[in-house]
C-alpha atoms as a PDB file:
ATOM      1  CA  UNK A   1      -0.182  -0.096   0.033  1.00  0.00           C
ATOM      2  CA  UNK A   2       1.198   3.404  -0.807  1.00  0.00           C
ATOM      3  CA  UNK A   3       2.068   5.740   2.021  1.00  0.00           C
ATOM      4  CA  UNK A   4      -0.010   9.147   1.570  1.00  0.00           C
ATOM      5  CA  UNK A   5       2.169  12.289   1.994  1.00  0.00           C
ATOM      6  CA  UNK A   6       1.459  14.970   4.560  1.00  0.00           C
ATOM      7  CA  UNK A   7       1.015  18.856   4.301  1.00  0.00           C
ATOM      8  CA  UNK A   8       0.308  18.665   0.511  1.00  0.00           C
ATOM      9  CA  UNK A   9      -1.291  21.736  -1.073  1.00  0.00           C
ATOM     10  CA  UNK A  10      -4.736  20.991  -3.085  1.00  0.00           C
ATOM     11  CA  UNK A  11      -2.837  21.477  -6.492  1.00  0.00           C
ATOM     12  CA  UNK A  12      -0.269  18.853  -5.668  1.00  0.00           C
ATOM     13  CA  UNK A  13      -3.060  16.520  -4.452  1.00  0.00           C
ATOM     14  CA  UNK A  14      -4.760  16.651  -7.598  1.00  0.00           C
ATOM     15  CA  UNK A  15      -1.746  16.632  -9.710  1.00  0.00           C
ATOM     16  CA  UNK A  16      -2.341  14.114 -12.503  1.00  0.00           C
ATOM     17  CA  UNK A  17      -6.271  13.515 -12.031  1.00  0.00           C
ATOM     18  CA  UNK A  18      -8.460  14.286 -15.026  1.00  0.00           C
ATOM     19  CA  UNK A  19     -12.031  14.747 -14.553  1.00  0.00           C
ATOM     20  CA  UNK A  20     -14.267  12.396 -17.039  1.00  0.00           C
ATOM     21  CA  UNK A  21     -16.251  15.014 -18.936  1.00  0.00           C
ATOM     22  CA  UNK A  22     -20.046  15.244 -18.001  1.00  0.00           C
ATOM     23  CA  UNK A  23     -23.109  16.806 -18.960  1.00  0.00           C
ATOM     24  CA  UNK A  24     -22.827  19.333 -15.857  1.00  0.00           C
ATOM     25  CA  UNK A  25     -18.967  19.831 -16.312  1.00  0.00           C
ATOM     26  CA  UNK A  26     -19.749  20.858 -19.929  1.00  0.00           C
ATOM     27  CA  UNK A  27     -21.945  23.528 -19.055  1.00  0.00           C
ATOM     28  CA  UNK A  28     -19.548  24.863 -16.168  1.00  0.00           C
ATOM     29  CA  UNK A  29     -16.707  24.876 -18.739  1.00  0.00           C
ATOM     30  CA  UNK A  30     -19.019  26.850 -21.037  1.00  0.00           C
ATOM     31  CA  UNK A  31     -19.764  29.542 -18.169  1.00  0.00           C
ATOM     32  CA  UNK A  32     -15.825  29.923 -17.092  1.00  0.00           C
ATOM     33  CA  UNK A  33     -14.697  30.649 -20.645  1.00  0.00           C
ATOM     34  CA  UNK A  34     -14.318  34.453 -20.968  1.00  0.00           C
ATOM     35  CA  UNK A  35     -16.940  36.170 -23.141  1.00  0.00           C
ATOM     36  CA  UNK A  36     -15.506  37.824 -26.087  1.00  0.00           C
ATOM     37  CA  UNK A  37     -14.994  41.611 -25.326  1.00  0.00           C
ATOM     38  CA  UNK A  38     -15.967  43.905 -28.219  1.00  0.00           C
ATOM     39  CA  UNK A  39     -12.957  46.178 -28.834  1.00  0.00           C
ATOM     40  CA  UNK A  40     -13.642  50.024 -28.485  1.00  0.00           C
ATOM     41  CA  UNK A  41     -13.027  51.553 -31.541  1.00  0.00           C
ATOM     42  CA  UNK A  42     -11.007  54.395 -31.875  1.00  0.00           C
ATOM     43  CA  UNK A  43     -12.807  57.579 -32.922  1.00  0.00           C
ATOM     44  CA  UNK A  44     -11.948  59.038 -36.101  1.00  0.00           C
ATOM     45  CA  UNK A  45     -10.321  62.583 -36.021  1.00  0.00           C
ATOM     46  CA  UNK A  46     -13.804  63.942 -37.840  1.00  0.00           C
ATOM     47  CA  UNK A  47     -15.603  62.405 -34.468  1.00  0.00           C
ATOM     48  CA  UNK A  48     -13.498  63.795 -31.849  1.00  0.00           C
ATOM     49  CA  UNK A  49     -13.519  67.344 -33.786  1.00  0.00           C
ATOM     50  CA  UNK A  50     -17.369  67.317 -33.940  1.00  0.00           C
ATOM     51  CA  UNK A  51     -17.610  66.739 -29.925  1.00  0.00           C
ATOM     52  CA  UNK A  52     -14.786  68.985 -29.129  1.00  0.00           C
ATOM     53  CA  UNK A  53     -16.771  71.551 -27.755  1.00  0.00           C
ATOM     54  CA  UNK A  54     -18.984  69.506 -25.647  1.00  0.00           C
ATOM     55  CA  UNK A  55     -17.313  69.350 -22.407  1.00  0.00           C
ATOM     56  CA  UNK A  56     -18.832  66.513 -20.185  1.00  0.00           C
ATOM     57  CA  UNK A  57     -20.426  69.137 -17.955  1.00  0.00           C
ATOM     58  CA  UNK A  58     -22.236  70.500 -21.122  1.00  0.00           C
ATOM     59  CA  UNK A  59     -23.389  66.904 -22.562  1.00  0.00           C
ATOM     60  CA  UNK A  60     -24.851  66.426 -18.977  1.00  0.00           C
ATOM     61  CA  UNK A  61     -26.505  69.587 -19.086  1.00  0.00           C
ATOM     62  CA  UNK A  62     -27.974  68.973 -22.651  1.00  0.00           C
ATOM     63  CA  UNK A  63     -28.868  65.259 -21.528  1.00  0.00           C
ATOM     64  CA  UNK A  64     -30.986  66.645 -18.828  1.00  0.00           C
ATOM     65  CA  UNK A  65     -32.802  69.338 -20.841  1.00  0.00           C
ATOM     66  CA  UNK A  66     -33.561  66.695 -23.322  1.00  0.00           C
ATOM     67  CA  UNK A  67     -34.876  64.326 -20.622  1.00  0.00           C
ATOM     68  CA  UNK A  68     -37.084  67.224 -19.532  1.00  0.00           C
ATOM     69  CA  UNK A  69     -38.363  67.682 -22.910  1.00  0.00           C
ATOM     70  CA  UNK A  70     -39.171  63.897 -23.651  1.00  0.00           C
ATOM     71  CA  UNK A  71     -41.418  63.842 -20.400  1.00  0.00           C
ATOM     72  CA  UNK A  72     -43.034  66.984 -21.180  1.00  0.00           C
ATOM     73  CA  UNK A  73     -43.929  65.508 -24.827  1.00  0.00           C
ATOM     74  CA  UNK A  74     -45.066  62.075 -23.098  1.00  0.00           C
ATOM     75  CA  UNK A  75     -47.414  64.182 -20.554  1.00  0.00           C
ATOM     76  CA  UNK A  76     -49.004  65.542 -23.955  1.00  0.00           C
ATOM     77  CA  UNK A  77     -49.275  62.127 -25.651  1.00  0.00           C
ATOM     78  CA  UNK A  78     -46.455  62.678 -27.869  1.00  0.00           C
ATOM     79  CA  UNK A  79     -44.282  59.484 -28.193  1.00  0.00           C
ATOM     80  CA  UNK A  80     -42.993  59.224 -31.792  1.00  0.00           C
ATOM     81  CA  UNK A  81     -40.866  62.012 -32.590  1.00  0.00           C
ATOM     82  CA  UNK A  82     -37.583  62.902 -33.413  1.00  0.00           C
ATOM     83  CA  UNK A  83     -34.884  65.758 -32.607  1.00  0.00           C
ATOM     84  CA  UNK A  84     -34.137  68.032 -35.387  1.00  0.00           C
ATOM     85  CA  UNK A  85     -30.984  70.399 -35.100  1.00  0.00           C
ATOM     86  CA  UNK A  86     -30.792  73.784 -37.025  1.00  0.00           C
ATOM     87  CA  UNK A  87     -28.589  76.635 -36.644  1.00  0.00           C
ATOM     88  CA  UNK A  88     -29.963  80.329 -36.610  1.00  0.00           C
ATOM     89  CA  UNK A  89     -26.951  82.892 -36.602  1.00  0.00           C
ATOM     90  CA  UNK A  90     -24.898  81.987 -33.490  1.00  0.00           C
ATOM     91  CA  UNK A  91     -27.718  79.802 -31.917  1.00  0.00           C
ATOM     92  CA  UNK A  92     -28.099  76.314 -32.310  1.00  0.00           C
ATOM     93  CA  UNK A  93     -31.761  74.821 -31.799  1.00  0.00           C
ATOM     94  CA  UNK A  94     -32.836  71.354 -31.167  1.00  0.00           C
ATOM     95  CA  UNK A  95     -36.672  70.776 -32.270  1.00  0.00           C
ATOM     96  CA  UNK A  96     -38.793  67.928 -31.720  1.00  0.00           C
ATOM     97  CA  UNK A  97     -40.484  67.050 -35.001  1.00  0.00           C
ATOM     98  CA  UNK A  98     -42.949  64.525 -34.732  1.00  0.00           C
ATOM     99  CA  UNK A  99     -42.740  61.315 -36.975  1.00  0.00           C
ATOM    100  CA  UNK A 100     -45.689  59.210 -38.130  1.00  0.00           C
ATOM    101  CA  UNK A 101     -47.092  56.944 -35.897  1.00  0.00           C
ATOM    102  CA  UNK A 102     -48.587  57.070 -32.627  1.00  0.00           C
ATOM    103  CA  UNK A 103     -49.156  59.887 -30.684  1.00  0.00           C
ATOM    104  CA  UNK A 104     -51.366  62.867 -30.301  1.00  0.00           C
ATOM    105  CA  UNK A 105     -51.842  64.818 -33.211  1.00  0.00           C
END
């Protein structure tokens, strides 16, 4: 009979042991595989230039205003719309424009 060595680490005790493939182990192995991570594409110079003047604080402020507008339109029953941007002199204006579909007209 073989003598059992003492004070072995778990890794050393299971050295050379192969588990038989089973239904459960197949699914556990699939869960442990890292999911393919989509690579973040670098923005082109044109995209960076278009967003250059929108600081994070300004983006947050515009986002809050657009959310308030969306809520006001929803209260009026308007749910199908798109935001159109236009420039008048030095002002840039965002205007909600109703699209065909559901909503109060």
